[in-house]
Amino acid sequence: DGTLEEKFALRHMVTFTEGGPFHR
């Protein structure tokens, strides 16, 4: 339930590998 903004709200952290492509 909820608005589009509520459905797509930021909900958790993602931790990237240090020095990996996403970190960079």
mmCIF file of all heavy atoms, coordinates in Angstrom:
data_MODEL
# 
_entry.id   MODEL 
# 
loop_
_atom_site.group_PDB 
_atom_site.id 
_atom_site.type_symbol 
_atom_site.label_atom_id 
_atom_site.label_alt_id 
_atom_site.label_comp_id 
_atom_site.label_asym_id 
_atom_site.label_entity_id 
_atom_site.label_seq_id 
_atom_site.pdbx_PDB_ins_code 
_atom_site.Cartn_x 
_atom_site.Cartn_y 
_atom_site.Cartn_z 
_atom_site.occupancy 
_atom_site.B_iso_or_equiv 
_atom_site.pdbx_formal_charge 
_atom_site.auth_seq_id 
_atom_site.auth_comp_id 
_atom_site.auth_asym_id 
_atom_site.auth_atom_id 
_atom_site.pdbx_PDB_model_num 
ATOM 1   N N   . ASP A 1 1  ? 0.846  -1.198 0.000   1.00 0.00 ? 1  ASP A N   1 
ATOM 2   C CA  . ASP A 1 1  ? 0.000  0.000  0.000   1.00 0.00 ? 1  ASP A CA  1 
ATOM 3   C C   . ASP A 1 1  ? 0.878  1.244  0.000   1.00 0.00 ? 1  ASP A C   1 
ATOM 4   O O   . ASP A 1 1  ? 2.082  1.188  0.238   1.00 0.00 ? 1  ASP A O   1 
ATOM 5   C CB  . ASP A 1 1  ? -0.913 0.007  1.239   1.00 0.00 ? 1  ASP A CB  1 
ATOM 6   C CG  . ASP A 1 1  ? -1.802 -1.234 1.303   1.00 0.00 ? 1  ASP A CG  1 
ATOM 7   O OD1 . ASP A 1 1  ? -2.483 -1.525 0.304   1.00 0.00 ? 1  ASP A OD1 1 
ATOM 8   O OD2 . ASP A 1 1  ? -1.794 -1.898 2.352   1.00 0.00 ? 1  ASP A OD2 1 
ATOM 9   N N   . GLY A 1 2  ? 0.227  2.386  -0.256  1.00 0.00 ? 2  GLY A N   1 
ATOM 10  C CA  . GLY A 1 2  ? 0.940  3.653  -0.191  1.00 0.00 ? 2  GLY A CA  1 
ATOM 11  C C   . GLY A 1 2  ? 1.093  4.309  -1.553  1.00 0.00 ? 2  GLY A C   1 
ATOM 12  O O   . GLY A 1 2  ? 0.759  3.741  -2.595  1.00 0.00 ? 2  GLY A O   1 
ATOM 13  N N   . THR A 1 3  ? 1.621  5.508  -1.538  1.00 0.00 ? 3  THR A N   1 
ATOM 14  C CA  . THR A 1 3  ? 1.852  6.259  -2.762  1.00 0.00 ? 3  THR A CA  1 
ATOM 15  C C   . THR A 1 3  ? 3.066  5.712  -3.504  1.00 0.00 ? 3  THR A C   1 
ATOM 16  O O   . THR A 1 3  ? 3.823  4.889  -2.971  1.00 0.00 ? 3  THR A O   1 
ATOM 17  C CB  . THR A 1 3  ? 2.084  7.738  -2.446  1.00 0.00 ? 3  THR A CB  1 
ATOM 18  O OG1 . THR A 1 3  ? 3.303  7.857  -1.676  1.00 0.00 ? 3  THR A OG1 1 
ATOM 19  C CG2 . THR A 1 3  ? 0.936  8.326  -1.629  1.00 0.00 ? 3  THR A CG2 1 
ATOM 20  N N   . LEU A 1 4  ? 3.261  6.189  -4.723  1.00 0.00 ? 4  LEU A N   1 
ATOM 21  C CA  . LEU A 1 4  ? 4.437  5.782  -5.482  1.00 0.00 ? 4  LEU A CA  1 
ATOM 22  C C   . LEU A 1 4  ? 5.708  6.157  -4.736  1.00 0.00 ? 4  LEU A C   1 
ATOM 23  O O   . LEU A 1 4  ? 6.675  5.390  -4.695  1.00 0.00 ? 4  LEU A O   1 
ATOM 24  C CB  . LEU A 1 4  ? 4.414  6.451  -6.868  1.00 0.00 ? 4  LEU A CB  1 
ATOM 25  C CG  . LEU A 1 4  ? 5.389  5.889  -7.904  1.00 0.00 ? 4  LEU A CG  1 
ATOM 26  C CD1 . LEU A 1 4  ? 5.005  4.467  -8.277  1.00 0.00 ? 4  LEU A CD1 1 
ATOM 27  C CD2 . LEU A 1 4  ? 5.415  6.776  -9.147  1.00 0.00 ? 4  LEU A CD2 1 
ATOM 28  N N   . GLU A 1 5  ? 5.709  7.335  -4.133  1.00 0.00 ? 5  GLU A N   1 
ATOM 29  C CA  . GLU A 1 5  ? 6.870  7.787  -3.369  1.00 0.00 ? 5  GLU A CA  1 
ATOM 30  C C   . GLU A 1 5  ? 7.151  6.867  -2.193  1.00 0.00 ? 5  GLU A C   1 
ATOM 31  O O   . GLU A 1 5  ? 8.318  6.582  -1.875  1.00 0.00 ? 5  GLU A O   1 
ATOM 32  C CB  . GLU A 1 5  ? 6.649  9.223  -2.866  1.00 0.00 ? 5  GLU A CB  1 
ATOM 33  C CG  . GLU A 1 5  ? 6.662  10.286 -3.947  1.00 0.00 ? 5  GLU A CG  1 
ATOM 34  C CD  . GLU A 1 5  ? 5.365  10.337 -4.748  1.00 0.00 ? 5  GLU A CD  1 
ATOM 35  O OE1 . GLU A 1 5  ? 4.365  9.675  -4.331  1.00 0.00 ? 5  GLU A OE1 1 
ATOM 36  O OE2 . GLU A 1 5  ? 5.348  11.025 -5.787  1.00 0.00 ? 5  GLU A OE2 1 
ATOM 37  N N   . GLU A 1 6  ? 6.102  6.383  -1.553  1.00 0.00 ? 6  GLU A N   1 
ATOM 38  C CA  . GLU A 1 6  ? 6.284  5.485  -0.412  1.00 0.00 ? 6  GLU A CA  1 
ATOM 39  C C   . GLU A 1 6  ? 6.763  4.102  -0.873  1.00 0.00 ? 6  GLU A C   1 
ATOM 40  O O   . GLU A 1 6  ? 7.593  3.474  -0.204  1.00 0.00 ? 6  GLU A O   1 
ATOM 41  C CB  . GLU A 1 6  ? 4.960  5.363  0.358   1.00 0.00 ? 6  GLU A CB  1 
ATOM 42  C CG  . GLU A 1 6  ? 4.604  6.638  1.110   1.00 0.00 ? 6  GLU A CG  1 
ATOM 43  C CD  . GLU A 1 6  ? 3.180  6.641  1.641   1.00 0.00 ? 6  GLU A CD  1 
ATOM 44  O OE1 . GLU A 1 6  ? 2.326  5.907  1.080   1.00 0.00 ? 6  GLU A OE1 1 
ATOM 45  O OE2 . GLU A 1 6  ? 2.906  7.383  2.608   1.00 0.00 ? 6  GLU A OE2 1 
ATOM 46  N N   . LYS A 1 7  ? 6.277  3.625  -2.011  1.00 0.00 ? 7  LYS A N   1 
ATOM 47  C CA  . LYS A 1 7  ? 6.706  2.323  -2.523  1.00 0.00 ? 7  LYS A CA  1 
ATOM 48  C C   . LYS A 1 7  ? 8.184  2.336  -2.924  1.00 0.00 ? 7  LYS A C   1 
ATOM 49  O O   . LYS A 1 7  ? 8.892  1.342  -2.755  1.00 0.00 ? 7  LYS A O   1 
ATOM 50  C CB  . LYS A 1 7  ? 5.844  1.913  -3.713  1.00 0.00 ? 7  LYS A CB  1 
ATOM 51  C CG  . LYS A 1 7  ? 4.394  1.592  -3.367  1.00 0.00 ? 7  LYS A CG  1 
ATOM 52  C CD  . LYS A 1 7  ? 3.606  1.240  -4.607  1.00 0.00 ? 7  LYS A CD  1 
ATOM 53  C CE  . LYS A 1 7  ? 2.137  1.030  -4.328  1.00 0.00 ? 7  LYS A CE  1 
ATOM 54  N NZ  . LYS A 1 7  ? 1.857  -0.122 -3.459  1.00 0.00 ? 7  LYS A NZ  1 
ATOM 55  N N   . PHE A 1 8  ? 8.639  3.469  -3.474  1.00 0.00 ? 8  PHE A N   1 
ATOM 56  C CA  . PHE A 1 8  ? 10.014 3.575  -3.948  1.00 0.00 ? 8  PHE A CA  1 
ATOM 57  C C   . PHE A 1 8  ? 10.927 4.293  -2.943  1.00 0.00 ? 8  PHE A C   1 
ATOM 58  O O   . PHE A 1 8  ? 12.029 4.702  -3.304  1.00 0.00 ? 8  PHE A O   1 
ATOM 59  C CB  . PHE A 1 8  ? 10.065 4.299  -5.296  1.00 0.00 ? 8  PHE A CB  1 
ATOM 60  C CG  . PHE A 1 8  ? 9.662  3.431  -6.460  1.00 0.00 ? 8  PHE A CG  1 
ATOM 61  C CD1 . PHE A 1 8  ? 8.337  3.297  -6.822  1.00 0.00 ? 8  PHE A CD1 1 
ATOM 62  C CD2 . PHE A 1 8  ? 10.620 2.732  -7.182  1.00 0.00 ? 8  PHE A CD2 1 
ATOM 63  C CE1 . PHE A 1 8  ? 7.960  2.495  -7.894  1.00 0.00 ? 8  PHE A CE1 1 
ATOM 64  C CE2 . PHE A 1 8  ? 10.266 1.924  -8.256  1.00 0.00 ? 8  PHE A CE2 1 
ATOM 65  C CZ  . PHE A 1 8  ? 8.924  1.805  -8.607  1.00 0.00 ? 8  PHE A CZ  1 
ATOM 66  N N   . ALA A 1 9  ? 10.494 4.412  -1.714  1.00 0.00 ? 9  ALA A N   1 
ATOM 67  C CA  . ALA A 1 9  ? 11.302 5.080  -0.695  1.00 0.00 ? 9  ALA A CA  1 
ATOM 68  C C   . ALA A 1 9  ? 12.578 4.290  -0.404  1.00 0.00 ? 9  ALA A C   1 
ATOM 69  O O   . ALA A 1 9  ? 12.620 3.061  -0.545  1.00 0.00 ? 9  ALA A O   1 
ATOM 70  C CB  . ALA A 1 9  ? 10.492 5.257  0.588   1.00 0.00 ? 9  ALA A CB  1 
ATOM 71  N N   . LEU A 1 10 ? 13.613 4.993  0.016   1.00 0.00 ? 10 LEU A N   1 
ATOM 72  C CA  . LEU A 1 10 ? 14.867 4.335  0.390   1.00 0.00 ? 10 LEU A CA  1 
ATOM 73  C C   . LEU A 1 10 ? 14.633 3.519  1.662   1.00 0.00 ? 10 LEU A C   1 
ATOM 74  O O   . LEU A 1 10 ? 14.154 4.046  2.660   1.00 0.00 ? 10 LEU A O   1 
ATOM 75  C CB  . LEU A 1 10 ? 15.959 5.380  0.616   1.00 0.00 ? 10 LEU A CB  1 
ATOM 76  C CG  . LEU A 1 10 ? 16.225 6.326  -0.561  1.00 0.00 ? 10 LEU A CG  1 
ATOM 77  C CD1 . LEU A 1 10 ? 17.329 7.304  -0.215  1.00 0.00 ? 10 LEU A CD1 1 
ATOM 78  C CD2 . LEU A 1 10 ? 16.568 5.550  -1.825  1.00 0.00 ? 10 LEU A CD2 1 
ATOM 79  N N   . ARG A 1 11 ? 15.027 2.228  1.606   1.00 0.00 ? 11 ARG A N   1 
ATOM 80  C CA  . ARG A 1 11 ? 14.668 1.344  2.714   1.00 0.00 ? 11 ARG A CA  1 
ATOM 81  C C   . ARG A 1 11 ? 15.841 0.627  3.364   1.00 0.00 ? 11 ARG A C   1 
ATOM 82  O O   . ARG A 1 11 ? 15.738 0.167  4.501   1.00 0.00 ? 11 ARG A O   1 
ATOM 83  C CB  . ARG A 1 11 ? 13.632 0.321  2.259   1.00 0.00 ? 11 ARG A CB  1 
ATOM 84  C CG  . ARG A 1 11 ? 12.251 0.935  2.001   1.00 0.00 ? 11 ARG A CG  1 
ATOM 85  C CD  . ARG A 1 11 ? 11.278 -0.064 1.416   1.00 0.00 ? 11 ARG A CD  1 
ATOM 86  N NE  . ARG A 1 11 ? 11.186 -1.272 2.223   1.00 0.00 ? 11 ARG A NE  1 
ATOM 87  C CZ  . ARG A 1 11 ? 10.757 -2.437 1.746   1.00 0.00 ? 11 ARG A CZ  1 
ATOM 88  N NH1 . ARG A 1 11 ? 10.429 -2.560 0.481   1.00 0.00 ? 11 ARG A NH1 1 
ATOM 89  N NH2 . ARG A 1 11 ? 10.689 -3.480 2.537   1.00 0.00 ? 11 ARG A NH2 1 
ATOM 90  N N   . HIS A 1 12 ? 16.951 0.464  2.667   1.00 0.00 ? 12 HIS A N   1 
ATOM 91  C CA  . HIS A 1 12 ? 18.075 -0.197 3.324   1.00 0.00 ? 12 HIS A CA  1 
ATOM 92  C C   . HIS A 1 12 ? 19.399 0.221  2.686   1.00 0.00 ? 12 HIS A C   1 
ATOM 93  O O   . HIS A 1 12 ? 19.446 0.750  1.572   1.00 0.00 ? 12 HIS A O   1 
ATOM 94  C CB  . HIS A 1 12 ? 17.929 -1.725 3.335   1.00 0.00 ? 12 HIS A CB  1 
ATOM 95  C CG  . HIS A 1 12 ? 18.031 -2.398 1.994   1.00 0.00 ? 12 HIS A CG  1 
ATOM 96  N ND1 . HIS A 1 12 ? 19.169 -2.372 1.208   1.00 0.00 ? 12 HIS A ND1 1 
ATOM 97  C CD2 . HIS A 1 12 ? 17.134 -3.151 1.303   1.00 0.00 ? 12 HIS A CD2 1 
ATOM 98  C CE1 . HIS A 1 12 ? 18.973 -3.060 0.104   1.00 0.00 ? 12 HIS A CE1 1 
ATOM 99  N NE2 . HIS A 1 12 ? 17.748 -3.536 0.124   1.00 0.00 ? 12 HIS A NE2 1 
ATOM 100 N N   . MET A 1 13 ? 20.461 -0.055 3.406   1.00 0.00 ? 13 MET A N   1 
ATOM 101 C CA  . MET A 1 13 ? 21.804 0.258  2.958   1.00 0.00 ? 13 MET A CA  1 
ATOM 102 C C   . MET A 1 13 ? 22.310 -0.854 2.043   1.00 0.00 ? 13 MET A C   1 
ATOM 103 O O   . MET A 1 13 ? 21.952 -2.015 2.184   1.00 0.00 ? 13 MET A O   1 
ATOM 104 C CB  . MET A 1 13 ? 22.731 0.368  4.172   1.00 0.00 ? 13 MET A CB  1 
ATOM 105 C CG  . MET A 1 13 ? 24.112 0.923  3.869   1.00 0.00 ? 13 MET A CG  1 
ATOM 106 S SD  . MET A 1 13 ? 24.088 2.724  3.753   1.00 0.00 ? 13 MET A SD  1 
ATOM 107 C CE  . MET A 1 13 ? 23.868 3.160  5.504   1.00 0.00 ? 13 MET A CE  1 
ATOM 108 N N   . VAL A 1 14 ? 23.137 -0.478 1.075   1.00 0.00 ? 14 VAL A N   1 
ATOM 109 C CA  . VAL A 1 14 ? 23.906 -1.442 0.278   1.00 0.00 ? 14 VAL A CA  1 
ATOM 110 C C   . VAL A 1 14 ? 25.377 -1.118 0.480   1.00 0.00 ? 14 VAL A C   1 
ATOM 111 O O   . VAL A 1 14 ? 25.786 0.048  0.356   1.00 0.00 ? 14 VAL A O   1 
ATOM 112 C CB  . VAL A 1 14 ? 23.550 -1.373 -1.213  1.00 0.00 ? 14 VAL A CB  1 
ATOM 113 C CG1 . VAL A 1 14 ? 24.515 -2.235 -2.028  1.00 0.00 ? 14 VAL A CG1 1 
ATOM 114 C CG2 . VAL A 1 14 ? 22.112 -1.839 -1.442  1.00 0.00 ? 14 VAL A CG2 1 
ATOM 115 N N   . THR A 1 15 ? 26.166 -2.123 0.828   1.00 0.00 ? 15 THR A N   1 
ATOM 116 C CA  . THR A 1 15 ? 27.602 -1.961 1.041   1.00 0.00 ? 15 THR A CA  1 
ATOM 117 C C   . THR A 1 15 ? 28.354 -2.598 -0.113  1.00 0.00 ? 15 THR A C   1 
ATOM 118 O O   . THR A 1 15 ? 28.166 -3.773 -0.411  1.00 0.00 ? 15 THR A O   1 
ATOM 119 C CB  . THR A 1 15 ? 28.041 -2.609 2.364   1.00 0.00 ? 15 THR A CB  1 
ATOM 120 O OG1 . THR A 1 15 ? 27.313 -2.011 3.446   1.00 0.00 ? 15 THR A OG1 1 
ATOM 121 C CG2 . THR A 1 15 ? 29.538 -2.392 2.601   1.00 0.00 ? 15 THR A CG2 1 
ATOM 122 N N   . PHE A 1 16 ? 29.212 -1.802 -0.758  1.00 0.00 ? 16 PHE A N   1 
ATOM 123 C CA  . PHE A 1 16 ? 29.986 -2.276 -1.901  1.00 0.00 ? 16 PHE A CA  1 
ATOM 124 C C   . PHE A 1 16 ? 31.364 -2.762 -1.466  1.00 0.00 ? 16 PHE A C   1 
ATOM 125 O O   . PHE A 1 16 ? 31.897 -2.351 -0.423  1.00 0.00 ? 16 PHE A O   1 
ATOM 126 C CB  . PHE A 1 16 ? 30.159 -1.154 -2.931  1.00 0.00 ? 16 PHE A CB  1 
ATOM 127 C CG  . PHE A 1 16 ? 28.863 -0.572 -3.427  1.00 0.00 ? 16 PHE A CG  1 
ATOM 128 C CD1 . PHE A 1 16 ? 28.615 0.798  -3.349  1.00 0.00 ? 16 PHE A CD1 1 
ATOM 129 C CD2 . PHE A 1 16 ? 27.894 -1.390 -3.983  1.00 0.00 ? 16 PHE A CD2 1 
ATOM 130 C CE1 . PHE A 1 16 ? 27.433 1.328  -3.809  1.00 0.00 ? 16 PHE A CE1 1 
ATOM 131 C CE2 . PHE A 1 16 ? 26.696 -0.861 -4.450  1.00 0.00 ? 16 PHE A CE2 1 
ATOM 132 C CZ  . PHE A 1 16 ? 26.465 0.507  -4.363  1.00 0.00 ? 16 PHE A CZ  1 
ATOM 133 N N   . THR A 1 17 ? 31.959 -3.602 -2.291  1.00 0.00 ? 17 THR A N   1 
ATOM 134 C CA  . THR A 1 17 ? 33.329 -4.049 -2.058  1.00 0.00 ? 17 THR A CA  1 
ATOM 135 C C   . THR A 1 17 ? 34.273 -2.859 -2.161  1.00 0.00 ? 17 THR A C   1 
ATOM 136 O O   . THR A 1 17 ? 34.190 -2.076 -3.110  1.00 0.00 ? 17 THR A O   1 
ATOM 137 C CB  . THR A 1 17 ? 33.729 -5.107 -3.100  1.00 0.00 ? 17 THR A CB  1 
ATOM 138 O OG1 . THR A 1 17 ? 32.803 -6.192 -3.037  1.00 0.00 ? 17 THR A OG1 1 
ATOM 139 C CG2 . THR A 1 17 ? 35.144 -5.601 -2.843  1.00 0.00 ? 17 THR A CG2 1 
ATOM 140 N N   . GLU A 1 18 ? 35.146 -2.720 -1.193  1.00 0.00 ? 18 GLU A N   1 
ATOM 141 C CA  . GLU A 1 18 ? 36.084 -1.594 -1.201  1.00 0.00 ? 18 GLU A CA  1 
ATOM 142 C C   . GLU A 1 18 ? 36.951 -1.633 -2.457  1.00 0.00 ? 18 GLU A C   1 
ATOM 143 O O   . GLU A 1 18 ? 37.563 -2.649 -2.786  1.00 0.00 ? 18 GLU A O   1 
ATOM 144 C CB  . GLU A 1 18 ? 36.973 -1.629 0.044   1.00 0.00 ? 18 GLU A CB  1 
ATOM 145 C CG  . GLU A 1 18 ? 37.897 -0.424 0.159   1.00 0.00 ? 18 GLU A CG  1 
ATOM 146 C CD  . GLU A 1 18 ? 38.682 -0.420 1.452   1.00 0.00 ? 18 GLU A CD  1 
ATOM 147 O OE1 . GLU A 1 18 ? 38.550 -1.387 2.241   1.00 0.00 ? 18 GLU A OE1 1 
ATOM 148 O OE2 . GLU A 1 18 ? 39.428 0.555  1.678   1.00 0.00 ? 18 GLU A OE2 1 
ATOM 149 N N   . GLY A 1 19 ? 36.973 -0.530 -3.178  1.00 0.00 ? 19 GLY A N   1 
ATOM 150 C CA  . GLY A 1 19 ? 37.769 -0.432 -4.388  1.00 0.00 ? 19 GLY A CA  1 
ATOM 151 C C   . GLY A 1 19 ? 37.147 -1.061 -5.613  1.00 0.00 ? 19 GLY A C   1 
ATOM 152 O O   . GLY A 1 19 ? 37.738 -1.031 -6.700  1.00 0.00 ? 19 GLY A O   1 
ATOM 153 N N   . GLY A 1 20 ? 35.950 -1.647 -5.481  1.00 0.00 ? 20 GLY A N   1 
ATOM 154 C CA  . GLY A 1 20 ? 35.276 -2.273 -6.608  1.00 0.00 ? 20 GLY A CA  1 
ATOM 155 C C   . GLY A 1 20 ? 34.645 -1.259 -7.535  1.00 0.00 ? 20 GLY A C   1 
ATOM 156 O O   . GLY A 1 20 ? 34.638 -0.048 -7.250  1.00 0.00 ? 20 GLY A O   1 
ATOM 157 N N   . PRO A 1 21 ? 34.089 -1.708 -8.662  1.00 0.00 ? 21 PRO A N   1 
ATOM 158 C CA  . PRO A 1 21 ? 33.532 -0.765 -9.638  1.00 0.00 ? 21 PRO A CA  1 
ATOM 159 C C   . PRO A 1 21 ? 32.377 0.081  -9.112  1.00 0.00 ? 21 PRO A C   1 
ATOM 160 O O   . PRO A 1 21 ? 32.258 1.255  -9.470  1.00 0.00 ? 21 PRO A O   1 
ATOM 161 C CB  . PRO A 1 21 ? 33.088 -1.671 -10.798 1.00 0.00 ? 21 PRO A CB  1 
ATOM 162 C CG  . PRO A 1 21 ? 33.035 -3.047 -10.233 1.00 0.00 ? 21 PRO A CG  1 
ATOM 163 C CD  . PRO A 1 21 ? 34.044 -3.093 -9.149  1.00 0.00 ? 21 PRO A CD  1 
ATOM 164 N N   . PHE A 1 22 ? 31.530 -0.494 -8.261  1.00 0.00 ? 22 PHE A N   1 
ATOM 165 C CA  . PHE A 1 22 ? 30.421 0.299  -7.724  1.00 0.00 ? 22 PHE A CA  1 
ATOM 166 C C   . PHE A 1 22 ? 30.925 1.329  -6.722  1.00 0.00 ? 22 PHE A C   1 
ATOM 167 O O   . PHE A 1 22 ? 30.443 2.468  -6.697  1.00 0.00 ? 22 PHE A O   1 
ATOM 168 C CB  . PHE A 1 22 ? 29.374 -0.611 -7.088  1.00 0.00 ? 22 PHE A CB  1 
ATOM 169 C CG  . PHE A 1 22 ? 28.459 -1.275 -8.078  1.00 0.00 ? 22 PHE A CG  1 
ATOM 170 C CD1 . PHE A 1 22 ? 28.754 -2.527 -8.591  1.00 0.00 ? 22 PHE A CD1 1 
ATOM 171 C CD2 . PHE A 1 22 ? 27.306 -0.643 -8.511  1.00 0.00 ? 22 PHE A CD2 1 
ATOM 172 C CE1 . PHE A 1 22 ? 27.926 -3.139 -9.517  1.00 0.00 ? 22 PHE A CE1 1 
ATOM 173 C CE2 . PHE A 1 22 ? 26.466 -1.239 -9.431  1.00 0.00 ? 22 PHE A CE2 1 
ATOM 174 C CZ  . PHE A 1 22 ? 26.762 -2.500 -9.938  1.00 0.00 ? 22 PHE A CZ  1 
ATOM 175 N N   . HIS A 1 23 ? 31.876 0.948  -5.894  1.00 0.00 ? 23 HIS A N   1 
ATOM 176 C CA  . HIS A 1 23 ? 32.489 1.888  -4.956  1.00 0.00 ? 23 HIS A CA  1 
ATOM 177 C C   . HIS A 1 23 ? 33.111 3.051  -5.712  1.00 0.00 ? 23 HIS A C   1 
ATOM 178 O O   . HIS A 1 23 ? 32.910 4.224  -5.365  1.00 0.00 ? 23 HIS A O   1 
ATOM 179 C CB  . HIS A 1 23 ? 33.535 1.149  -4.109  1.00 0.00 ? 23 HIS A CB  1 
ATOM 180 C CG  . HIS A 1 23 ? 34.208 2.015  -3.085  1.00 0.00 ? 23 HIS A CG  1 
ATOM 181 N ND1 . HIS A 1 23 ? 35.371 1.625  -2.437  1.00 0.00 ? 23 HIS A ND1 1 
ATOM 182 C CD2 . HIS A 1 23 ? 33.919 3.256  -2.612  1.00 0.00 ? 23 HIS A CD2 1 
ATOM 183 C CE1 . HIS A 1 23 ? 35.735 2.569  -1.602  1.00 0.00 ? 23 HIS A CE1 1 
ATOM 184 N NE2 . HIS A 1 23 ? 34.878 3.573  -1.692  1.00 0.00 ? 23 HIS A NE2 1 
ATOM 185 N N   . ARG A 1 24 ? 33.862 2.750  -6.760  1.00 0.00 ? 24 ARG A N   1 
ATOM 186 C CA  . ARG A 1 24 ? 34.510 3.803  -7.548  1.00 0.00 ? 24 ARG A CA  1 
ATOM 187 C C   . ARG A 1 24 ? 33.482 4.682  -8.253  1.00 0.00 ? 24 ARG A C   1 
ATOM 188 O O   . ARG A 1 24 ? 33.623 5.909  -8.312  1.00 0.00 ? 24 ARG A O   1 
ATOM 189 C CB  . ARG A 1 24 ? 35.460 3.184  -8.575  1.00 0.00 ? 24 ARG A CB  1 
ATOM 190 C CG  . ARG A 1 24 ? 36.626 2.412  -7.954  1.00 0.00 ? 24 ARG A CG  1 
ATOM 191 C CD  . ARG A 1 24 ? 37.718 2.121  -8.982  1.00 0.00 ? 24 ARG A CD  1 
ATOM 192 N NE  . ARG A 1 24 ? 37.217 1.395  -10.134 1.00 0.00 ? 24 ARG A NE  1 
ATOM 193 C CZ  . ARG A 1 24 ? 37.174 0.071  -10.225 1.00 0.00 ? 24 ARG A CZ  1 
ATOM 194 N NH1 . ARG A 1 24 ? 37.602 -0.683 -9.201  1.00 0.00 ? 24 ARG A NH1 1 
ATOM 195 N NH2 . ARG A 1 24 ? 36.735 -0.525 -11.319 1.00 0.00 ? 24 ARG A NH2 1 
# 
